[in-house]
Amino acid sequence: MRKSLLIILLVFICSMSVNAESRVIFTGEEIYDEDIGIYVMPAKEEGFMAVTSPFYNYAFVLPYEENWVFEQDYFYYLLANNGNKNISINIFMKDSKTDRAYLEEMKKRLVDNKNKTGVEKADIIYVANTPVLVTTVDVEVITNDKAFSGIKQKNFFITKTDDKGRYTIHFSAVMVSGEEGNFDEYLEIVTRSFEVDFSRE
């Protein structure tokens, strides 16, 4: 029963991208897609895959995993999904806030509206010198469906700026038993590797 609920939830989450303009699926081969503006470089033996954008000047690394679906829609510069995991990147107008201050404001908005956002816990931690907003969300609240009672989603948010604007990268994963360590692995690897102003001409 719970497995069926998780499948329904994943469909719900992925529905945010139904208006995608372009979509590619990573099957283990190198990807260069001008429509989305990404270059995916696999290093299977090392256990990693790099995702870069010479168009939007960002780069990050993921643990190697096939079947990631990468797309771009009217709101996200990058939207990616692989089962219970999602990644999105957005670029906003540049501001004068520090990265920590920006995340503090985001944290306040999420917590102040927890009846809608479902946020149960929100903390700002540091990975190396990078501030990261980490949240735990009650899926029942965001879906407004008691069938998802007890199911949690964990998220982390990173932000950086360059001349183009303020970049935010958001990773989320629906937690099932035994996958907490997997979330921590993504948190560590993505945070340490996320760069902006990448490969600028």
N, C-alpha and C. Protein backbone atom coordinates (compact mmCIF):
# COMPACT_ATOMS: atom_id res chain seq x y z
N MET A 1 0.83 -1.20 0.00
CA MET A 1 0.00 0.00 0.00
C MET A 1 0.87 1.25 0.00
N ARG A 2 1.88 1.27 0.89
CA ARG A 2 2.74 2.44 0.97
C ARG A 2 3.51 2.65 -0.33
N LYS A 3 3.93 1.55 -0.96
CA LYS A 3 4.65 1.66 -2.22
C LYS A 3 3.76 2.31 -3.28
N SER A 4 2.49 1.95 -3.31
CA SER A 4 1.56 2.54 -4.27
C SER A 4 1.39 4.03 -4.01
N LEU A 5 1.34 4.40 -2.74
CA LEU A 5 1.20 5.81 -2.39
C LEU A 5 2.42 6.60 -2.84
N LEU A 6 3.60 6.01 -2.69
CA LEU A 6 4.81 6.69 -3.12
C LEU A 6 4.81 6.92 -4.63
N ILE A 7 4.32 5.94 -5.38
CA ILE A 7 4.25 6.08 -6.83
C ILE A 7 3.32 7.23 -7.20
N ILE A 8 2.17 7.30 -6.54
CA ILE A 8 1.22 8.39 -6.79
C ILE A 8 1.86 9.72 -6.46
N LEU A 9 2.60 9.77 -5.34
CA LEU A 9 3.25 11.00 -4.92
C LEU A 9 4.27 11.45 -5.96
N LEU A 10 5.04 10.53 -6.49
CA LEU A 10 6.05 10.89 -7.47
C LEU A 10 5.40 11.46 -8.73
N VAL A 11 4.26 10.92 -9.12
CA VAL A 11 3.53 11.47 -10.26
C VAL A 11 3.08 12.89 -9.95
N PHE A 12 2.64 13.12 -8.70
CA PHE A 12 2.21 14.45 -8.28
C PHE A 12 3.36 15.44 -8.36
N ILE A 13 4.53 15.03 -7.88
CA ILE A 13 5.69 15.92 -7.88
C ILE A 13 6.13 16.21 -9.31
N CYS A 14 6.16 15.19 -10.14
CA CYS A 14 6.63 15.36 -11.53
C CYS A 14 5.66 16.18 -12.36
N SER A 15 4.41 16.31 -11.92
CA SER A 15 3.42 17.04 -12.70
C SER A 15 3.77 18.51 -12.82
N MET A 16 4.67 19.00 -11.96
CA MET A 16 5.10 20.39 -12.06
C MET A 16 5.80 20.66 -13.37
N SER A 17 6.28 19.63 -14.04
CA SER A 17 7.08 19.83 -15.25
C SER A 17 6.35 19.43 -16.53
N VAL A 18 5.04 19.35 -16.49
CA VAL A 18 4.31 18.87 -17.67
C VAL A 18 4.42 19.82 -18.85
N ASN A 19 4.75 21.11 -18.58
CA ASN A 19 4.86 22.07 -19.67
C ASN A 19 6.30 22.22 -20.14
N ALA A 20 7.12 21.24 -19.89
CA ALA A 20 8.53 21.34 -20.23
C ALA A 20 8.71 21.57 -21.72
N GLU A 21 9.68 22.46 -22.07
CA GLU A 21 9.96 22.77 -23.46
C GLU A 21 10.88 21.75 -24.08
N SER A 22 11.76 21.13 -23.29
CA SER A 22 12.71 20.17 -23.81
C SER A 22 13.03 19.16 -22.72
N ARG A 23 13.35 17.92 -23.14
CA ARG A 23 13.60 16.86 -22.16
C ARG A 23 14.60 15.87 -22.72
N VAL A 24 15.57 15.46 -21.88
CA VAL A 24 16.52 14.42 -22.26
C VAL A 24 16.66 13.46 -21.08
N ILE A 25 16.93 12.19 -21.39
CA ILE A 25 17.08 11.17 -20.36
C ILE A 25 18.52 10.68 -20.37
N PHE A 26 19.14 10.66 -19.19
CA PHE A 26 20.51 10.18 -19.07
C PHE A 26 20.50 8.67 -18.96
N THR A 27 21.13 8.00 -19.93
CA THR A 27 21.18 6.54 -19.95
C THR A 27 22.59 6.00 -19.81
N GLY A 28 23.51 6.88 -19.41
CA GLY A 28 24.90 6.47 -19.24
C GLY A 28 25.83 7.08 -20.25
N GLU A 29 25.25 7.66 -21.33
CA GLU A 29 26.06 8.29 -22.37
C GLU A 29 26.16 9.79 -22.12
N GLU A 30 27.22 10.38 -22.61
CA GLU A 30 27.41 11.82 -22.52
C GLU A 30 26.27 12.54 -23.21
N ILE A 31 25.82 13.64 -22.62
CA ILE A 31 24.72 14.43 -23.18
C ILE A 31 25.19 15.87 -23.40
N TYR A 32 24.89 16.39 -24.58
CA TYR A 32 25.04 17.82 -24.83
C TYR A 32 23.76 18.29 -25.49
N ASP A 33 22.99 19.10 -24.78
CA ASP A 33 21.68 19.51 -25.29
C ASP A 33 21.59 21.02 -25.30
N GLU A 34 21.51 21.60 -26.50
CA GLU A 34 21.46 23.05 -26.62
C GLU A 34 20.12 23.62 -26.18
N ASP A 35 19.04 22.86 -26.32
CA ASP A 35 17.73 23.37 -25.93
C ASP A 35 17.67 23.63 -24.43
N ILE A 36 18.20 22.70 -23.65
CA ILE A 36 18.20 22.86 -22.19
C ILE A 36 19.44 23.63 -21.75
N GLY A 37 20.48 23.56 -22.56
CA GLY A 37 21.72 24.26 -22.22
C GLY A 37 22.58 23.51 -21.24
N ILE A 38 22.59 22.16 -21.31
CA ILE A 38 23.38 21.39 -20.36
C ILE A 38 24.33 20.43 -21.07
N TYR A 39 25.36 20.09 -20.33
CA TYR A 39 26.35 19.10 -20.76
C TYR A 39 26.51 18.14 -19.59
N VAL A 40 26.15 16.88 -19.79
CA VAL A 40 26.26 15.86 -18.75
C VAL A 40 27.43 14.95 -19.09
N MET A 41 28.39 14.89 -18.17
CA MET A 41 29.61 14.10 -18.39
C MET A 41 29.67 12.97 -17.36
N PRO A 42 29.45 11.73 -17.77
CA PRO A 42 29.46 10.62 -16.83
C PRO A 42 30.87 10.13 -16.54
N ALA A 43 31.08 9.71 -15.30
CA ALA A 43 32.32 9.05 -14.89
C ALA A 43 31.90 7.84 -14.06
N LYS A 44 31.37 6.83 -14.75
CA LYS A 44 30.74 5.70 -14.08
C LYS A 44 31.70 4.97 -13.15
N GLU A 45 32.92 4.75 -13.59
CA GLU A 45 33.86 4.01 -12.76
C GLU A 45 34.19 4.75 -11.47
N GLU A 46 34.21 6.08 -11.53
CA GLU A 46 34.47 6.87 -10.33
C GLU A 46 33.22 7.07 -9.49
N GLY A 47 32.05 6.78 -10.07
CA GLY A 47 30.80 6.89 -9.33
C GLY A 47 30.19 8.27 -9.33
N PHE A 48 30.55 9.10 -10.33
CA PHE A 48 30.02 10.46 -10.37
C PHE A 48 29.55 10.82 -11.78
N MET A 49 28.80 11.91 -11.85
CA MET A 49 28.41 12.50 -13.13
C MET A 49 28.36 14.01 -12.94
N ALA A 50 28.96 14.74 -13.87
CA ALA A 50 28.99 16.20 -13.78
C ALA A 50 27.93 16.79 -14.70
N VAL A 51 27.22 17.79 -14.20
CA VAL A 51 26.22 18.50 -14.97
C VAL A 51 26.66 19.96 -15.06
N THR A 52 26.92 20.43 -16.26
CA THR A 52 27.38 21.81 -16.44
C THR A 52 26.51 22.51 -17.47
N SER A 53 26.55 23.84 -17.43
CA SER A 53 25.82 24.63 -18.43
C SER A 53 26.71 25.76 -18.92
N PRO A 54 27.23 25.65 -20.15
CA PRO A 54 28.00 26.76 -20.71
C PRO A 54 27.10 27.94 -21.08
N PHE A 55 25.78 27.70 -21.12
CA PHE A 55 24.83 28.76 -21.44
C PHE A 55 24.49 29.59 -20.21
N TYR A 56 24.26 28.93 -19.08
CA TYR A 56 23.83 29.61 -17.87
C TYR A 56 24.91 29.64 -16.79
N ASN A 57 26.07 29.09 -17.10
CA ASN A 57 27.27 29.23 -16.25
C ASN A 57 27.13 28.63 -14.85
N TYR A 58 26.60 27.42 -14.77
CA TYR A 58 26.59 26.71 -13.50
C TYR A 58 27.16 25.31 -13.72
N ALA A 59 27.54 24.68 -12.62
CA ALA A 59 28.05 23.31 -12.67
C ALA A 59 27.85 22.65 -11.32
N PHE A 60 27.56 21.36 -11.33
CA PHE A 60 27.50 20.59 -10.09
C PHE A 60 27.72 19.12 -10.40
N VAL A 61 27.99 18.35 -9.37
CA VAL A 61 28.27 16.92 -9.51
C VAL A 61 27.21 16.13 -8.76
N LEU A 62 26.82 14.99 -9.33
CA LEU A 62 25.88 14.06 -8.69
C LEU A 62 26.55 12.70 -8.53
N PRO A 63 26.11 11.92 -7.55
CA PRO A 63 26.50 10.50 -7.56
C PRO A 63 25.99 9.88 -8.86
N TYR A 64 26.77 8.99 -9.46
CA TYR A 64 26.38 8.40 -10.74
C TYR A 64 25.10 7.59 -10.58
N GLU A 65 24.14 7.90 -11.42
CA GLU A 65 22.86 7.18 -11.40
C GLU A 65 22.17 7.42 -12.74
N GLU A 66 21.82 6.36 -13.42
CA GLU A 66 21.16 6.50 -14.71
C GLU A 66 19.66 6.79 -14.54
N ASN A 67 19.04 7.16 -15.65
CA ASN A 67 17.60 7.45 -15.73
C ASN A 67 17.21 8.80 -15.16
N TRP A 68 18.18 9.68 -14.92
CA TRP A 68 17.82 11.06 -14.62
C TRP A 68 17.15 11.66 -15.85
N VAL A 69 16.05 12.36 -15.64
CA VAL A 69 15.38 13.09 -16.71
C VAL A 69 15.67 14.58 -16.50
N PHE A 70 16.29 15.21 -17.48
CA PHE A 70 16.62 16.63 -17.41
C PHE A 70 15.72 17.40 -18.35
N GLU A 71 15.18 18.50 -17.86
CA GLU A 71 14.32 19.32 -18.69
C GLU A 71 14.38 20.77 -18.26
N GLN A 72 13.76 21.61 -19.06
CA GLN A 72 13.65 23.04 -18.77
C GLN A 72 12.23 23.45 -19.06
N ASP A 73 11.66 24.29 -18.18
CA ASP A 73 10.30 24.75 -18.44
C ASP A 73 10.25 26.26 -18.33
N TYR A 74 9.06 26.81 -18.15
CA TYR A 74 8.89 28.25 -18.17
C TYR A 74 9.38 28.93 -16.90
N PHE A 75 9.67 28.15 -15.87
CA PHE A 75 10.10 28.74 -14.60
C PHE A 75 11.50 28.31 -14.21
N TYR A 76 11.85 27.04 -14.45
CA TYR A 76 13.14 26.52 -14.02
C TYR A 76 14.14 26.48 -15.17
N TYR A 77 15.35 26.92 -14.89
CA TYR A 77 16.42 26.79 -15.88
C TYR A 77 16.84 25.34 -16.03
N LEU A 78 16.69 24.58 -14.95
CA LEU A 78 16.91 23.13 -15.02
C LEU A 78 15.96 22.47 -14.04
N LEU A 79 15.34 21.40 -14.49
CA LEU A 79 14.47 20.59 -13.65
C LEU A 79 14.81 19.14 -13.94
N ALA A 80 15.19 18.40 -12.90
CA ALA A 80 15.62 17.01 -13.10
C ALA A 80 14.92 16.11 -12.11
N ASN A 81 14.61 14.89 -12.56
CA ASN A 81 13.92 13.92 -11.71
C ASN A 81 14.50 12.54 -11.92
N ASN A 82 14.60 11.79 -10.84
CA ASN A 82 15.00 10.39 -10.92
C ASN A 82 14.30 9.66 -9.79
N GLY A 83 13.11 9.13 -10.09
CA GLY A 83 12.35 8.41 -9.06
C GLY A 83 11.89 9.34 -7.96
N ASN A 84 12.39 9.13 -6.74
CA ASN A 84 11.95 9.94 -5.61
C ASN A 84 12.82 11.17 -5.41
N LYS A 85 13.74 11.45 -6.33
CA LYS A 85 14.66 12.58 -6.18
C LYS A 85 14.39 13.63 -7.26
N ASN A 86 14.51 14.89 -6.86
CA ASN A 86 14.30 16.01 -7.77
C ASN A 86 15.37 17.08 -7.54
N ILE A 87 15.78 17.72 -8.62
CA ILE A 87 16.70 18.85 -8.54
C ILE A 87 16.17 19.96 -9.43
N SER A 88 16.23 21.19 -8.95
CA SER A 88 15.86 22.33 -9.79
C SER A 88 16.86 23.45 -9.60
N ILE A 89 17.05 24.23 -10.66
CA ILE A 89 17.91 25.41 -10.61
C ILE A 89 17.12 26.58 -11.15
N ASN A 90 17.19 27.69 -10.44
CA ASN A 90 16.57 28.92 -10.90
C ASN A 90 17.57 30.05 -10.79
N ILE A 91 17.36 31.08 -11.58
CA ILE A 91 18.22 32.26 -11.55
C ILE A 91 17.33 33.49 -11.40
N PHE A 92 17.55 34.22 -10.32
CA PHE A 92 16.77 35.41 -10.03
C PHE A 92 17.63 36.66 -10.22
N MET A 93 17.01 37.82 -10.11
CA MET A 93 17.76 39.07 -10.20
C MET A 93 18.78 39.14 -9.06
N LYS A 94 19.93 39.69 -9.37
CA LYS A 94 20.98 39.80 -8.36
C LYS A 94 20.56 40.76 -7.26
N ASP A 95 20.94 40.45 -6.02
CA ASP A 95 20.64 41.31 -4.89
C ASP A 95 21.89 41.48 -4.05
N SER A 96 21.79 42.29 -3.01
CA SER A 96 22.96 42.59 -2.18
C SER A 96 23.05 41.72 -0.93
N LYS A 97 22.13 40.78 -0.77
CA LYS A 97 22.12 39.94 0.43
C LYS A 97 23.29 38.96 0.42
N THR A 98 23.74 38.60 1.62
CA THR A 98 24.68 37.48 1.71
C THR A 98 23.90 36.19 1.45
N ASP A 99 24.62 35.14 1.12
CA ASP A 99 23.94 33.86 0.88
C ASP A 99 23.21 33.39 2.13
N ARG A 100 23.84 33.58 3.28
CA ARG A 100 23.21 33.18 4.55
C ARG A 100 21.92 33.97 4.77
N ALA A 101 21.96 35.29 4.56
CA ALA A 101 20.78 36.12 4.77
C ALA A 101 19.65 35.72 3.82
N TYR A 102 19.99 35.41 2.59
CA TYR A 102 18.98 34.98 1.62
C TYR A 102 18.29 33.70 2.08
N LEU A 103 19.08 32.75 2.56
CA LEU A 103 18.51 31.49 3.03
C LEU A 103 17.71 31.68 4.31
N GLU A 104 18.13 32.62 5.16
CA GLU A 104 17.37 32.91 6.38
C GLU A 104 15.99 33.42 6.03
N GLU A 105 15.90 34.28 5.01
CA GLU A 105 14.60 34.79 4.58
C GLU A 105 13.75 33.67 4.00
N MET A 106 14.37 32.79 3.23
CA MET A 106 13.64 31.65 2.68
C MET A 106 13.12 30.76 3.80
N LYS A 107 13.97 30.50 4.77
CA LYS A 107 13.57 29.68 5.92
C LYS A 107 12.37 30.28 6.63
N LYS A 108 12.41 31.59 6.86
CA LYS A 108 11.30 32.26 7.55
C LYS A 108 10.00 32.13 6.77
N ARG A 109 10.06 32.32 5.45
CA ARG A 109 8.85 32.19 4.64
C ARG A 109 8.27 30.78 4.73
N LEU A 110 9.14 29.78 4.65
CA LEU A 110 8.67 28.40 4.69
C LEU A 110 8.06 28.05 6.04
N VAL A 111 8.73 28.48 7.11
CA VAL A 111 8.24 28.17 8.46
C VAL A 111 6.97 28.94 8.78
N ASP A 112 6.93 30.22 8.39
CA ASP A 112 5.75 31.05 8.66
C ASP A 112 4.51 30.54 7.93
N ASN A 113 4.72 29.82 6.83
CA ASN A 113 3.59 29.30 6.05
C ASN A 113 3.55 27.77 6.08
N LYS A 114 3.91 27.21 7.23
CA LYS A 114 4.02 25.75 7.31
C LYS A 114 2.69 25.03 7.11
N ASN A 115 1.58 25.72 7.30
CA ASN A 115 0.29 25.08 7.02
C ASN A 115 0.13 24.76 5.54
N LYS A 116 0.88 25.48 4.70
CA LYS A 116 0.86 25.21 3.26
C LYS A 116 2.11 24.48 2.79
N THR A 117 3.26 24.87 3.36
CA THR A 117 4.53 24.28 2.91
C THR A 117 4.81 22.93 3.55
N GLY A 118 4.15 22.64 4.68
CA GLY A 118 4.35 21.37 5.36
C GLY A 118 5.67 21.24 6.08
N VAL A 119 6.41 22.34 6.22
CA VAL A 119 7.73 22.28 6.85
C VAL A 119 7.60 21.96 8.34
N GLU A 120 8.24 20.88 8.75
CA GLU A 120 8.27 20.48 10.15
C GLU A 120 9.56 20.90 10.82
N LYS A 121 10.63 20.96 10.04
CA LYS A 121 11.93 21.30 10.59
C LYS A 121 12.72 22.05 9.53
N ALA A 122 13.42 23.10 9.95
CA ALA A 122 14.23 23.89 9.02
C ALA A 122 15.47 24.39 9.75
N ASP A 123 16.62 24.08 9.20
CA ASP A 123 17.89 24.49 9.80
C ASP A 123 18.84 24.95 8.72
N ILE A 124 19.68 25.89 9.07
CA ILE A 124 20.77 26.28 8.18
C ILE A 124 22.05 25.69 8.73
N ILE A 125 22.68 24.86 7.92
CA ILE A 125 23.92 24.21 8.30
C ILE A 125 25.02 24.68 7.35
N TYR A 126 26.24 24.26 7.64
CA TYR A 126 27.35 24.59 6.74
C TYR A 126 28.02 23.32 6.26
N VAL A 127 28.26 23.25 4.97
CA VAL A 127 29.08 22.20 4.38
C VAL A 127 30.31 22.92 3.85
N ALA A 128 31.47 22.65 4.47
CA ALA A 128 32.66 23.47 4.24
C ALA A 128 32.27 24.90 4.61
N ASN A 129 32.39 25.85 3.71
CA ASN A 129 32.03 27.23 4.03
C ASN A 129 30.72 27.66 3.40
N THR A 130 29.96 26.69 2.90
CA THR A 130 28.72 27.01 2.19
C THR A 130 27.50 26.83 3.08
N PRO A 131 26.68 27.89 3.26
CA PRO A 131 25.44 27.72 4.03
C PRO A 131 24.42 26.94 3.22
N VAL A 132 23.70 26.05 3.89
CA VAL A 132 22.69 25.22 3.23
C VAL A 132 21.44 25.20 4.10
N LEU A 133 20.30 25.48 3.50
CA LEU A 133 19.02 25.36 4.20
C LEU A 133 18.51 23.94 4.00
N VAL A 134 18.31 23.24 5.11
CA VAL A 134 17.83 21.85 5.08
C VAL A 134 16.47 21.80 5.75
N THR A 135 15.48 21.21 5.08
CA THR A 135 14.13 21.13 5.64
C THR A 135 13.58 19.72 5.57
N THR A 136 12.67 19.45 6.48
CA THR A 136 11.88 18.21 6.45
C THR A 136 10.42 18.61 6.29
N VAL A 137 9.75 18.00 5.33
CA VAL A 137 8.38 18.39 4.97
C VAL A 137 7.43 17.22 5.17
N ASP A 138 6.25 17.52 5.70
CA ASP A 138 5.18 16.54 5.84
C ASP A 138 4.43 16.47 4.50
N VAL A 139 4.54 15.35 3.82
CA VAL A 139 3.95 15.22 2.49
C VAL A 139 2.42 15.28 2.55
N GLU A 140 1.84 14.84 3.63
CA GLU A 140 0.38 14.91 3.77
C GLU A 140 -0.11 16.34 3.64
N VAL A 141 0.66 17.29 4.19
CA VAL A 141 0.26 18.70 4.16
C VAL A 141 0.35 19.25 2.74
N ILE A 142 1.46 18.97 2.03
CA ILE A 142 1.61 19.58 0.70
C ILE A 142 0.70 18.94 -0.34
N THR A 143 0.26 17.70 -0.08
CA THR A 143 -0.67 17.06 -1.01
C THR A 143 -2.12 17.20 -0.57
N ASN A 144 -2.29 17.59 0.70
CA ASN A 144 -3.63 17.68 1.30
C ASN A 144 -4.37 16.36 1.17
N ASP A 145 -3.63 15.28 1.44
CA ASP A 145 -4.19 13.94 1.30
C ASP A 145 -3.72 13.08 2.47
N LYS A 146 -4.65 12.63 3.29
CA LYS A 146 -4.31 11.83 4.46
C LYS A 146 -3.69 10.48 4.08
N ALA A 147 -3.84 10.08 2.83
CA ALA A 147 -3.24 8.82 2.41
C ALA A 147 -1.71 8.85 2.52
N PHE A 148 -1.14 10.07 2.54
CA PHE A 148 0.32 10.21 2.63
C PHE A 148 0.79 10.47 4.05
N SER A 149 -0.06 10.19 5.01
CA SER A 149 0.30 10.41 6.41
C SER A 149 1.57 9.65 6.77
N GLY A 150 2.49 10.35 7.39
CA GLY A 150 3.74 9.73 7.84
C GLY A 150 4.86 9.75 6.83
N ILE A 151 4.58 10.15 5.59
CA ILE A 151 5.62 10.21 4.56
C ILE A 151 6.29 11.58 4.59
N LYS A 152 7.61 11.60 4.58
CA LYS A 152 8.36 12.84 4.69
C LYS A 152 9.17 13.10 3.42
N GLN A 153 9.39 14.37 3.16
CA GLN A 153 10.28 14.79 2.08
C GLN A 153 11.38 15.64 2.69
N LYS A 154 12.63 15.33 2.33
CA LYS A 154 13.75 16.14 2.80
C LYS A 154 14.27 16.99 1.64
N ASN A 155 14.68 18.19 1.97
CA ASN A 155 15.11 19.16 0.96
C ASN A 155 16.38 19.86 1.40
N PHE A 156 17.17 20.30 0.43
CA PHE A 156 18.19 21.28 0.76
C PHE A 156 18.27 22.32 -0.35
N PHE A 157 18.63 23.54 0.07
CA PHE A 157 18.72 24.69 -0.82
C PHE A 157 20.09 25.33 -0.68
N ILE A 158 20.72 25.63 -1.82
CA ILE A 158 21.99 26.34 -1.85
C ILE A 158 21.80 27.55 -2.75
N THR A 159 22.47 28.65 -2.45
CA THR A 159 22.37 29.83 -3.29
C THR A 159 23.74 30.46 -3.47
N LYS A 160 24.00 30.96 -4.68
CA LYS A 160 25.24 31.67 -4.98
C LYS A 160 24.93 32.75 -6.02
N THR A 161 25.79 33.75 -6.10
CA THR A 161 25.57 34.83 -7.06
C THR A 161 26.78 35.03 -7.97
N ASP A 162 26.48 35.56 -9.17
CA ASP A 162 27.52 36.06 -10.06
C ASP A 162 26.93 37.24 -10.81
N ASP A 163 27.57 37.69 -11.87
CA ASP A 163 27.08 38.86 -12.60
C ASP A 163 25.72 38.61 -13.24
N LYS A 164 25.38 37.35 -13.51
CA LYS A 164 24.11 37.03 -14.15
C LYS A 164 22.93 37.16 -13.19
N GLY A 165 23.15 36.89 -11.91
CA GLY A 165 22.07 36.98 -10.94
C GLY A 165 22.28 36.06 -9.76
N ARG A 166 21.21 35.78 -9.05
CA ARG A 166 21.26 34.88 -7.91
C ARG A 166 20.75 33.50 -8.33
N TYR A 167 21.62 32.52 -8.17
CA TYR A 167 21.29 31.13 -8.49
C TYR A 167 20.82 30.42 -7.23
N THR A 168 19.80 29.59 -7.38
CA THR A 168 19.42 28.69 -6.29
C THR A 168 19.31 27.28 -6.86
N ILE A 169 19.84 26.34 -6.12
CA ILE A 169 19.69 24.93 -6.48
C ILE A 169 18.94 24.26 -5.34
N HIS A 170 17.93 23.48 -5.69
CA HIS A 170 17.06 22.82 -4.70
C HIS A 170 17.05 21.33 -4.99
N PHE A 171 17.37 20.55 -3.98
CA PHE A 171 17.31 19.09 -4.08
C PHE A 171 16.26 18.60 -3.11
N SER A 172 15.42 17.65 -3.56
CA SER A 172 14.42 17.06 -2.67
C SER A 172 14.36 15.56 -2.88
N ALA A 173 14.00 14.85 -1.83
CA ALA A 173 13.86 13.40 -1.91
C ALA A 173 12.77 12.96 -0.97
N VAL A 174 11.85 12.13 -1.47
CA VAL A 174 10.85 11.51 -0.61
C VAL A 174 11.55 10.39 0.15
N MET A 175 11.46 10.47 1.47
CA MET A 175 12.21 9.53 2.30
C MET A 175 11.46 8.23 2.50
N VAL A 176 12.10 7.15 2.15
CA VAL A 176 11.61 5.82 2.49
C VAL A 176 12.65 5.19 3.39
N SER A 177 12.28 4.16 4.08
CA SER A 177 13.15 3.56 5.09
C SER A 177 14.52 3.22 4.52
N GLY A 178 15.56 3.69 5.22
CA GLY A 178 16.93 3.35 4.86
C GLY A 178 17.59 4.29 3.88
N GLU A 179 16.89 5.35 3.43
CA GLU A 179 17.46 6.24 2.42
C GLU A 179 18.00 7.54 2.99
N GLU A 180 18.01 7.69 4.32
CA GLU A 180 18.51 8.92 4.91
C GLU A 180 19.98 9.14 4.54
N GLY A 181 20.76 8.07 4.54
CA GLY A 181 22.17 8.19 4.18
C GLY A 181 22.36 8.63 2.75
N ASN A 182 21.46 8.19 1.86
CA ASN A 182 21.52 8.60 0.46
C ASN A 182 21.31 10.10 0.34
N PHE A 183 20.39 10.65 1.12
CA PHE A 183 20.16 12.10 1.11
C PHE A 183 21.41 12.83 1.56
N ASP A 184 22.04 12.35 2.62
CA ASP A 184 23.26 12.99 3.12
C ASP A 184 24.37 12.97 2.09
N GLU A 185 24.45 11.90 1.30
CA GLU A 185 25.46 11.82 0.26
C GLU A 185 25.24 12.90 -0.79
N TYR A 186 24.00 13.08 -1.23
CA TYR A 186 23.68 14.12 -2.19
C TYR A 186 23.97 15.50 -1.61
N LEU A 187 23.60 15.70 -0.36
CA LEU A 187 23.84 16.99 0.31
C LEU A 187 25.32 17.35 0.27
N GLU A 188 26.16 16.40 0.61
CA GLU A 188 27.60 16.64 0.66
C GLU A 188 28.17 16.89 -0.73
N ILE A 189 27.85 16.02 -1.68
CA ILE A 189 28.47 16.10 -3.01
C ILE A 189 27.98 17.31 -3.79
N VAL A 190 26.67 17.54 -3.81
CA VAL A 190 26.13 18.66 -4.58
C VAL A 190 26.60 19.99 -3.99
N THR A 191 26.59 20.11 -2.66
CA THR A 191 26.99 21.36 -2.04
C THR A 191 28.45 21.69 -2.33
N ARG A 192 29.31 20.71 -2.18
CA ARG A 192 30.74 20.96 -2.41
C ARG A 192 31.06 21.25 -3.87
N SER A 193 30.25 20.77 -4.79
CA SER A 193 30.57 20.91 -6.21
C SER A 193 29.85 22.06 -6.91
N PHE A 194 28.79 22.59 -6.32
CA PHE A 194 27.97 23.59 -7.01
C PHE A 194 28.75 24.88 -7.22
N GLU A 195 28.87 25.28 -8.48
CA GLU A 195 29.59 26.50 -8.82
C GLU A 195 28.77 27.31 -9.82
N VAL A 196 28.91 28.63 -9.73
CA VAL A 196 28.32 29.52 -10.74
C VAL A 196 29.45 30.33 -11.35
N ASP A 197 29.13 31.12 -12.38
CA ASP A 197 30.16 31.81 -13.15
C ASP A 197 31.13 30.79 -13.72
N PHE A 198 30.55 29.67 -14.19
CA PHE A 198 31.35 28.54 -14.67
C PHE A 198 31.56 28.64 -16.16
N SER A 199 32.80 28.51 -16.60
CA SER A 199 33.14 28.47 -18.03
C SER A 199 32.62 29.69 -18.78
N ARG A 200 32.70 30.83 -18.12
CA ARG A 200 32.22 32.05 -18.78
C ARG A 200 33.24 32.51 -19.82
N GLU A 201 32.74 32.90 -20.98
CA GLU A 201 33.65 33.38 -22.03
C GLU A 201 33.97 34.85 -21.79
